[in-house]
Amino acid sequence: DLEITRKRGYAINNEEYIKGLFTIATPFFSLESGKPIGAVSFDFLASQASLKDVEKKYASVLLKLGKDISAVIK
């Protein structure tokens, strides 16, 4: 799962922590060290949308947000 997560650039929590809630998240990185220092995530109720639909609609937005934060944070 970690290899898949690294390849796609974001992680998925598919109701693993709270039943009925899933999350997609991506890291942001320090400009100085290049190491991850935090993450940004979107949470959704499973009753609102399917995980597949959320990935399709928001994954690219989330990845761009992670890159934009990485570009300005120290």
PDB file of N, CA and C in Angstrom:
ATOM      1  N   ASP A   1       0.814  -1.192   0.000  1.00  0.00           N
ATOM      2  CA  ASP A   1       0.000   0.000   0.000  1.00  0.00           C
ATOM      3  C   ASP A   1       0.864   1.265   0.000  1.00  0.00           C
ATOM      4  N   LEU A   2       1.990   1.240   0.719  1.00  0.00           N
ATOM      5  CA  LEU A   2       2.863   2.421   0.728  1.00  0.00           C
ATOM      6  C   LEU A   2       3.435   2.715  -0.652  1.00  0.00           C
ATOM      7  N   GLU A   3       3.797   1.676  -1.375  1.00  0.00           N
ATOM      8  CA  GLU A   3       4.331   1.875  -2.727  1.00  0.00           C
ATOM      9  C   GLU A   3       3.278   2.502  -3.641  1.00  0.00           C
ATOM     10  N   ILE A   4       2.057   2.015  -3.563  1.00  0.00           N
ATOM     11  CA  ILE A   4       0.960   2.577  -4.359  1.00  0.00           C
ATOM     12  C   ILE A   4       0.716   4.029  -3.969  1.00  0.00           C
ATOM     13  N   THR A   5       0.730   4.305  -2.677  1.00  0.00           N
ATOM     14  CA  THR A   5       0.521   5.662  -2.181  1.00  0.00           C
ATOM     15  C   THR A   5       1.605   6.597  -2.696  1.00  0.00           C
ATOM     16  N   ARG A   6       2.844   6.171  -2.650  1.00  0.00           N
ATOM     17  CA  ARG A   6       3.943   7.012  -3.155  1.00  0.00           C
ATOM     18  C   ARG A   6       3.781   7.286  -4.640  1.00  0.00           C
ATOM     19  N   LYS A   7       3.396   6.282  -5.405  1.00  0.00           N
ATOM     20  CA  LYS A   7       3.241   6.452  -6.859  1.00  0.00           C
ATOM     21  C   LYS A   7       2.137   7.434  -7.207  1.00  0.00           C
ATOM     22  N   ARG A   8       1.006   7.336  -6.514  1.00  0.00           N
ATOM     23  CA  ARG A   8      -0.105   8.222  -6.866  1.00  0.00           C
ATOM     24  C   ARG A   8       0.037   9.589  -6.202  1.00  0.00           C
ATOM     25  N   GLY A   9       0.842   9.683  -5.120  1.00  0.00           N
ATOM     26  CA  GLY A   9       1.106  10.967  -4.474  1.00  0.00           C
ATOM     27  C   GLY A   9       0.159  11.331  -3.351  1.00  0.00           C
ATOM     28  N   TYR A  10      -0.788  10.484  -3.056  1.00  0.00           N
ATOM     29  CA  TYR A  10      -1.710  10.760  -1.962  1.00  0.00           C
ATOM     30  C   TYR A  10      -2.131   9.462  -1.286  1.00  0.00           C
ATOM     31  N   ALA A  11      -2.553   9.602  -0.036  1.00  0.00           N
ATOM     32  CA  ALA A  11      -2.986   8.460   0.768  1.00  0.00           C
ATOM     33  C   ALA A  11      -4.503   8.443   0.869  1.00  0.00           C
ATOM     34  N   ILE A  12      -5.020   7.266   1.159  1.00  0.00           N
ATOM     35  CA  ILE A  12      -6.459   7.084   1.329  1.00  0.00           C
ATOM     36  C   ILE A  12      -6.719   6.414   2.671  1.00  0.00           C
ATOM     37  N   ASN A  13      -7.686   6.940   3.392  1.00  0.00           N
ATOM     38  CA  ASN A  13      -8.197   6.293   4.593  1.00  0.00           C
ATOM     39  C   ASN A  13      -9.650   5.946   4.267  1.00  0.00           C
ATOM     40  N   ASN A  14      -9.899   4.690   3.989  1.00  0.00           N
ATOM     41  CA  ASN A  14     -11.223   4.238   3.562  1.00  0.00           C
ATOM     42  C   ASN A  14     -11.983   3.638   4.744  1.00  0.00           C
ATOM     43  N   GLU A  15     -12.535   4.519   5.574  1.00  0.00           N
ATOM     44  CA  GLU A  15     -13.310   4.117   6.748  1.00  0.00           C
ATOM     45  C   GLU A  15     -12.497   3.265   7.724  1.00  0.00           C
ATOM     46  N   GLU A  16     -11.176   3.432   7.740  1.00  0.00           N
ATOM     47  CA  GLU A  16     -10.320   2.632   8.604  1.00  0.00           C
ATOM     48  C   GLU A  16     -10.333   3.127  10.054  1.00  0.00           C
ATOM     49  N   TYR A  17     -10.548   4.400  10.237  1.00  0.00           N
ATOM     50  CA  TYR A  17     -10.527   4.965  11.586  1.00  0.00           C
ATOM     51  C   TYR A  17     -11.943   5.178  12.123  1.00  0.00           C
ATOM     52  N   ILE A  18     -12.791   5.765  11.278  1.00  0.00           N
ATOM     53  CA  ILE A  18     -14.179   6.020  11.667  1.00  0.00           C
ATOM     54  C   ILE A  18     -15.098   5.482  10.581  1.00  0.00           C
ATOM     55  N   LYS A  19     -15.999   4.621  10.940  1.00  0.00           N
ATOM     56  CA  LYS A  19     -16.955   4.061   9.995  1.00  0.00           C
ATOM     57  C   LYS A  19     -17.771   5.193   9.383  1.00  0.00           C
ATOM     58  N   GLY A  20     -17.882   5.175   8.054  1.00  0.00           N
ATOM     59  CA  GLY A  20     -18.661   6.186   7.356  1.00  0.00           C
ATOM     60  C   GLY A  20     -17.871   7.418   6.944  1.00  0.00           C
ATOM     61  N   LEU A  21     -16.562   7.453   7.247  1.00  0.00           N
ATOM     62  CA  LEU A  21     -15.725   8.606   6.909  1.00  0.00           C
ATOM     63  C   LEU A  21     -14.506   8.129   6.140  1.00  0.00           C
ATOM     64  N   PHE A  22     -14.227   8.776   5.020  1.00  0.00           N
ATOM     65  CA  PHE A  22     -12.972   8.485   4.335  1.00  0.00           C
ATOM     66  C   PHE A  22     -12.240   9.782   4.030  1.00  0.00           C
ATOM     67  N   THR A  23     -10.947   9.650   3.824  1.00  0.00           N
ATOM     68  CA  THR A  23     -10.052  10.794   3.678  1.00  0.00           C
ATOM     69  C   THR A  23      -9.064  10.538   2.557  1.00  0.00           C
ATOM     70  N   ILE A  24      -8.738  11.598   1.819  1.00  0.00           N
ATOM     71  CA  ILE A  24      -7.584  11.553   0.921  1.00  0.00           C
ATOM     72  C   ILE A  24      -6.636  12.653   1.391  1.00  0.00           C
ATOM     73  N   ALA A  25      -5.340  12.372   1.383  1.00  0.00           N
ATOM     74  CA  ALA A  25      -4.361  13.306   1.935  1.00  0.00           C
ATOM     75  C   ALA A  25      -3.061  13.246   1.148  1.00  0.00           C
ATOM     76  N   THR A  26      -2.372  14.367   1.099  1.00  0.00           N
ATOM     77  CA  THR A  26      -1.064  14.430   0.454  1.00  0.00           C
ATOM     78  C   THR A  26      -0.103  15.231   1.331  1.00  0.00           C
ATOM     79  N   PRO A  27       1.178  14.887   1.294  1.00  0.00           N
ATOM     80  CA  PRO A  27       2.141  15.617   2.121  1.00  0.00           C
ATOM     81  C   PRO A  27       2.553  16.944   1.484  1.00  0.00           C
ATOM     82  N   PHE A  28       3.108  17.812   2.320  1.00  0.00           N
ATOM     83  CA  PHE A  28       3.854  18.955   1.788  1.00  0.00           C
ATOM     84  C   PHE A  28       5.234  18.911   2.414  1.00  0.00           C
ATOM     85  N   PHE A  29       6.185  19.516   1.711  1.00  0.00           N
ATOM     86  CA  PHE A  29       7.595  19.339   2.018  1.00  0.00           C
ATOM     87  C   PHE A  29       8.269  20.666   2.347  1.00  0.00           C
ATOM     88  N   SER A  30       9.308  20.605   3.176  1.00  0.00           N
ATOM     89  CA  SER A  30      10.130  21.760   3.508  1.00  0.00           C
ATOM     90  C   SER A  30      10.968  22.161   2.306  1.00  0.00           C
ATOM     91  N   LEU A  31      11.014  23.455   2.036  1.00  0.00           N
ATOM     92  CA  LEU A  31      11.885  23.959   0.965  1.00  0.00           C
ATOM     93  C   LEU A  31      13.354  23.708   1.294  1.00  0.00           C
ATOM     94  N   GLU A  32      13.695  23.816   2.568  1.00  0.00           N
ATOM     95  CA  GLU A  32      15.084  23.706   2.979  1.00  0.00           C
ATOM     96  C   GLU A  32      15.589  22.259   2.958  1.00  0.00           C
ATOM     97  N   SER A  33      14.819  21.341   3.509  1.00  0.00           N
ATOM     98  CA  SER A  33      15.302  19.964   3.626  1.00  0.00           C
ATOM     99  C   SER A  33      14.744  19.013   2.567  1.00  0.00           C
ATOM    100  N   GLY A  34      13.618  19.392   1.954  1.00  0.00           N
ATOM    101  CA  GLY A  34      12.962  18.501   1.005  1.00  0.00           C
ATOM    102  C   GLY A  34      12.217  17.355   1.672  1.00  0.00           C
ATOM    103  N   LYS A  35      12.170  17.374   3.009  1.00  0.00           N
ATOM    104  CA  LYS A  35      11.498  16.310   3.756  1.00  0.00           C
ATOM    105  C   LYS A  35      10.045  16.699   4.046  1.00  0.00           C
ATOM    106  N   PRO A  36       9.175  15.700   4.160  1.00  0.00           N
ATOM    107  CA  PRO A  36       7.782  16.018   4.490  1.00  0.00           C
ATOM    108  C   PRO A  36       7.676  16.613   5.895  1.00  0.00           C
ATOM    109  N   ILE A  37       6.875  17.667   6.016  1.00  0.00           N
ATOM    110  CA  ILE A  37       6.707  18.314   7.321  1.00  0.00           C
ATOM    111  C   ILE A  37       5.242  18.436   7.712  1.00  0.00           C
ATOM    112  N   GLY A  38       4.352  17.996   6.867  1.00  0.00           N
ATOM    113  CA  GLY A  38       2.934  18.072   7.181  1.00  0.00           C
ATOM    114  C   GLY A  38       2.118  17.475   6.055  1.00  0.00           C
ATOM    115  N   ALA A  39       0.825  17.592   6.175  1.00  0.00           N
ATOM    116  CA  ALA A  39      -0.062  17.056   5.140  1.00  0.00           C
ATOM    117  C   ALA A  39      -1.334  17.882   5.095  1.00  0.00           C
ATOM    118  N   VAL A  40      -1.985  17.820   3.967  1.00  0.00           N
ATOM    119  CA  VAL A  40      -3.291  18.444   3.790  1.00  0.00           C
ATOM    120  C   VAL A  40      -4.244  17.332   3.363  1.00  0.00           C
ATOM    121  N   SER A  41      -5.474  17.385   3.882  1.00  0.00           N
ATOM    122  CA  SER A  41      -6.409  16.305   3.585  1.00  0.00           C
ATOM    123  C   SER A  41      -7.823  16.829   3.378  1.00  0.00           C
ATOM    124  N   PHE A  42      -8.610  16.030   2.682  1.00  0.00           N
ATOM    125  CA  PHE A  42     -10.042  16.265   2.518  1.00  0.00           C
ATOM    126  C   PHE A  42     -10.755  15.072   3.130  1.00  0.00           C
ATOM    127  N   ASP A  43     -11.760  15.329   3.947  1.00  0.00           N
ATOM    128  CA  ASP A  43     -12.570  14.283   4.569  1.00  0.00           C
ATOM    129  C   ASP A  43     -13.968  14.306   3.957  1.00  0.00           C
ATOM    130  N   PHE A  44     -14.553  13.124   3.811  1.00  0.00           N
ATOM    131  CA  PHE A  44     -15.885  12.997   3.228  1.00  0.00           C
ATOM    132  C   PHE A  44     -16.679  11.939   3.962  1.00  0.00           C
ATOM    133  N   LEU A  45     -17.970  12.154   4.053  1.00  0.00           N
ATOM    134  CA  LEU A  45     -18.869  11.125   4.560  1.00  0.00           C
ATOM    135  C   LEU A  45     -19.159  10.148   3.431  1.00  0.00           C
ATOM    136  N   ALA A  46     -19.108   8.885   3.740  1.00  0.00           N
ATOM    137  CA  ALA A  46     -19.381   7.864   2.732  1.00  0.00           C
ATOM    138  C   ALA A  46     -20.790   8.021   2.170  1.00  0.00           C
ATOM    139  N   SER A  47     -21.692   8.613   2.937  1.00  0.00           N
ATOM    140  CA  SER A  47     -23.060   8.831   2.457  1.00  0.00           C
ATOM    141  C   SER A  47     -23.146   9.972   1.438  1.00  0.00           C
ATOM    142  N   GLN A  48     -22.108  10.814   1.358  1.00  0.00           N
ATOM    143  CA  GLN A  48     -22.105  11.941   0.425  1.00  0.00           C
ATOM    144  C   GLN A  48     -21.656  11.550  -0.971  1.00  0.00           C
ATOM    145  N   ALA A  49     -20.681  10.666  -1.051  1.00  0.00           N
ATOM    146  CA  ALA A  49     -20.098  10.309  -2.340  1.00  0.00           C
ATOM    147  C   ALA A  49     -19.297   9.025  -2.178  1.00  0.00           C
ATOM    148  N   SER A  50     -18.985   8.407  -3.291  1.00  0.00           N
ATOM    149  CA  SER A  50     -18.135   7.221  -3.242  1.00  0.00           C
ATOM    150  C   SER A  50     -16.674   7.653  -3.225  1.00  0.00           C
ATOM    151  N   LEU A  51     -15.832   6.804  -2.691  1.00  0.00           N
ATOM    152  CA  LEU A  51     -14.402   7.092  -2.679  1.00  0.00           C
ATOM    153  C   LEU A  51     -13.885   7.281  -4.102  1.00  0.00           C
ATOM    154  N   LYS A  52     -14.333   6.460  -5.009  1.00  0.00           N
ATOM    155  CA  LYS A  52     -13.907   6.557  -6.415  1.00  0.00           C
ATOM    156  C   LYS A  52     -14.269   7.925  -7.006  1.00  0.00           C
ATOM    157  N   ASP A  53     -15.479   8.405  -6.738  1.00  0.00           N
ATOM    158  CA  ASP A  53     -15.899   9.719  -7.237  1.00  0.00           C
ATOM    159  C   ASP A  53     -15.080  10.845  -6.611  1.00  0.00           C
ATOM    160  N   VAL A  54     -14.814  10.728  -5.317  1.00  0.00           N
ATOM    161  CA  VAL A  54     -14.018  11.744  -4.633  1.00  0.00           C
ATOM    162  C   VAL A  54     -12.607  11.788  -5.212  1.00  0.00           C
ATOM    163  N   GLU A  55     -11.994  10.627  -5.407  1.00  0.00           N
ATOM    164  CA  GLU A  55     -10.651  10.600  -6.009  1.00  0.00           C
ATOM    165  C   GLU A  55     -10.657  11.258  -7.380  1.00  0.00           C
ATOM    166  N   LYS A  56     -11.636  10.922  -8.171  1.00  0.00           N
ATOM    167  CA  LYS A  56     -11.726  11.466  -9.535  1.00  0.00           C
ATOM    168  C   LYS A  56     -11.879  12.989  -9.518  1.00  0.00           C
ATOM    169  N   LYS A  57     -12.689  13.485  -8.595  1.00  0.00           N
ATOM    170  CA  LYS A  57     -12.978  14.912  -8.547  1.00  0.00           C
ATOM    171  C   LYS A  57     -11.924  15.737  -7.825  1.00  0.00           C
ATOM    172  N   TYR A  58     -11.324  15.185  -6.762  1.00  0.00           N
ATOM    173  CA  TYR A  58     -10.476  16.006  -5.893  1.00  0.00           C
ATOM    174  C   TYR A  58      -8.991  15.642  -5.829  1.00  0.00           C
ATOM    175  N   ALA A  59      -8.591  14.497  -6.320  1.00  0.00           N
ATOM    176  CA  ALA A  59      -7.183  14.097  -6.190  1.00  0.00           C
ATOM    177  C   ALA A  59      -6.240  15.105  -6.846  1.00  0.00           C
ATOM    178  N   SER A  60      -6.557  15.558  -8.045  1.00  0.00           N
ATOM    179  CA  SER A  60      -5.661  16.507  -8.721  1.00  0.00           C
ATOM    180  C   SER A  60      -5.624  17.841  -7.988  1.00  0.00           C
ATOM    181  N   VAL A  61      -6.747  18.268  -7.433  1.00  0.00           N
ATOM    182  CA  VAL A  61      -6.792  19.510  -6.654  1.00  0.00           C
ATOM    183  C   VAL A  61      -5.927  19.369  -5.404  1.00  0.00           C
ATOM    184  N   LEU A  62      -6.059  18.243  -4.733  1.00  0.00           N
ATOM    185  CA  LEU A  62      -5.285  17.980  -3.530  1.00  0.00           C
ATOM    186  C   LEU A  62      -3.786  17.948  -3.824  1.00  0.00           C
ATOM    187  N   LEU A  63      -3.393  17.270  -4.890  1.00  0.00           N
ATOM    188  CA  LEU A  63      -1.974  17.202  -5.256  1.00  0.00           C
ATOM    189  C   LEU A  63      -1.416  18.590  -5.567  1.00  0.00           C
ATOM    190  N   LYS A  64      -2.183  19.412  -6.273  1.00  0.00           N
ATOM    191  CA  LYS A  64      -1.738  20.771  -6.576  1.00  0.00           C
ATOM    192  C   LYS A  64      -1.602  21.585  -5.297  1.00  0.00           C
ATOM    193  N   LEU A  65      -2.544  21.437  -4.390  1.00  0.00           N
ATOM    194  CA  LEU A  65      -2.477  22.154  -3.118  1.00  0.00           C
ATOM    195  C   LEU A  65      -1.225  21.769  -2.340  1.00  0.00           C
ATOM    196  N   GLY A  66      -0.918  20.480  -2.278  1.00  0.00           N
ATOM    197  CA  GLY A  66       0.304  20.029  -1.607  1.00  0.00           C
ATOM    198  C   GLY A  66       1.561  20.619  -2.227  1.00  0.00           C
ATOM    199  N   LYS A  67       1.596  20.676  -3.555  1.00  0.00           N
ATOM    200  CA  LYS A  67       2.750  21.266  -4.258  1.00  0.00           C
ATOM    201  C   LYS A  67       2.841  22.766  -4.012  1.00  0.00           C
ATOM    202  N   ASP A  68       1.683  23.439  -4.032  1.00  0.00           N
ATOM    203  CA  ASP A  68       1.676  24.894  -3.795  1.00  0.00           C
ATOM    204  C   ASP A  68       2.151  25.227  -2.384  1.00  0.00           C
ATOM    205  N   ILE A  69       1.716  24.469  -1.404  1.00  0.00           N
ATOM    206  CA  ILE A  69       2.169  24.695  -0.025  1.00  0.00           C
ATOM    207  C   ILE A  69       3.670  24.430   0.081  1.00  0.00           C
ATOM    208  N   SER A  70       4.132  23.356  -0.551  1.00  0.00           N
ATOM    209  CA  SER A  70       5.558  23.014  -0.518  1.00  0.00           C
ATOM    210  C   SER A  70       6.424  24.124  -1.108  1.00  0.00           C
ATOM    211  N   ALA A  71       5.874  24.854  -2.081  1.00  0.00           N
ATOM    212  CA  ALA A  71       6.641  25.901  -2.765  1.00  0.00           C
ATOM    213  C   ALA A  71       6.873  27.134  -1.898  1.00  0.00           C
ATOM    214  N   VAL A  72       6.103  27.276  -0.826  1.00  0.00           N
ATOM    215  CA  VAL A  72       6.228  28.500  -0.031  1.00  0.00           C
ATOM    216  C   VAL A  72       6.560  28.276   1.442  1.00  0.00           C
ATOM    217  N   ILE A  73       6.533  27.056   1.905  1.00  0.00           N
ATOM    218  CA  ILE A  73       6.733  26.794   3.340  1.00  0.00           C
ATOM    219  C   ILE A  73       8.193  26.421   3.622  1.00  0.00           C
ATOM    220  N   LYS A  74       8.686  26.864   4.749  1.00  0.00           N
ATOM    221  CA  LYS A  74      10.070  26.545   5.130  1.00  0.00           C
ATOM    222  C   LYS A  74      10.102  25.429   6.124  1.00  0.00           C
TER     223      LYS A  74
END
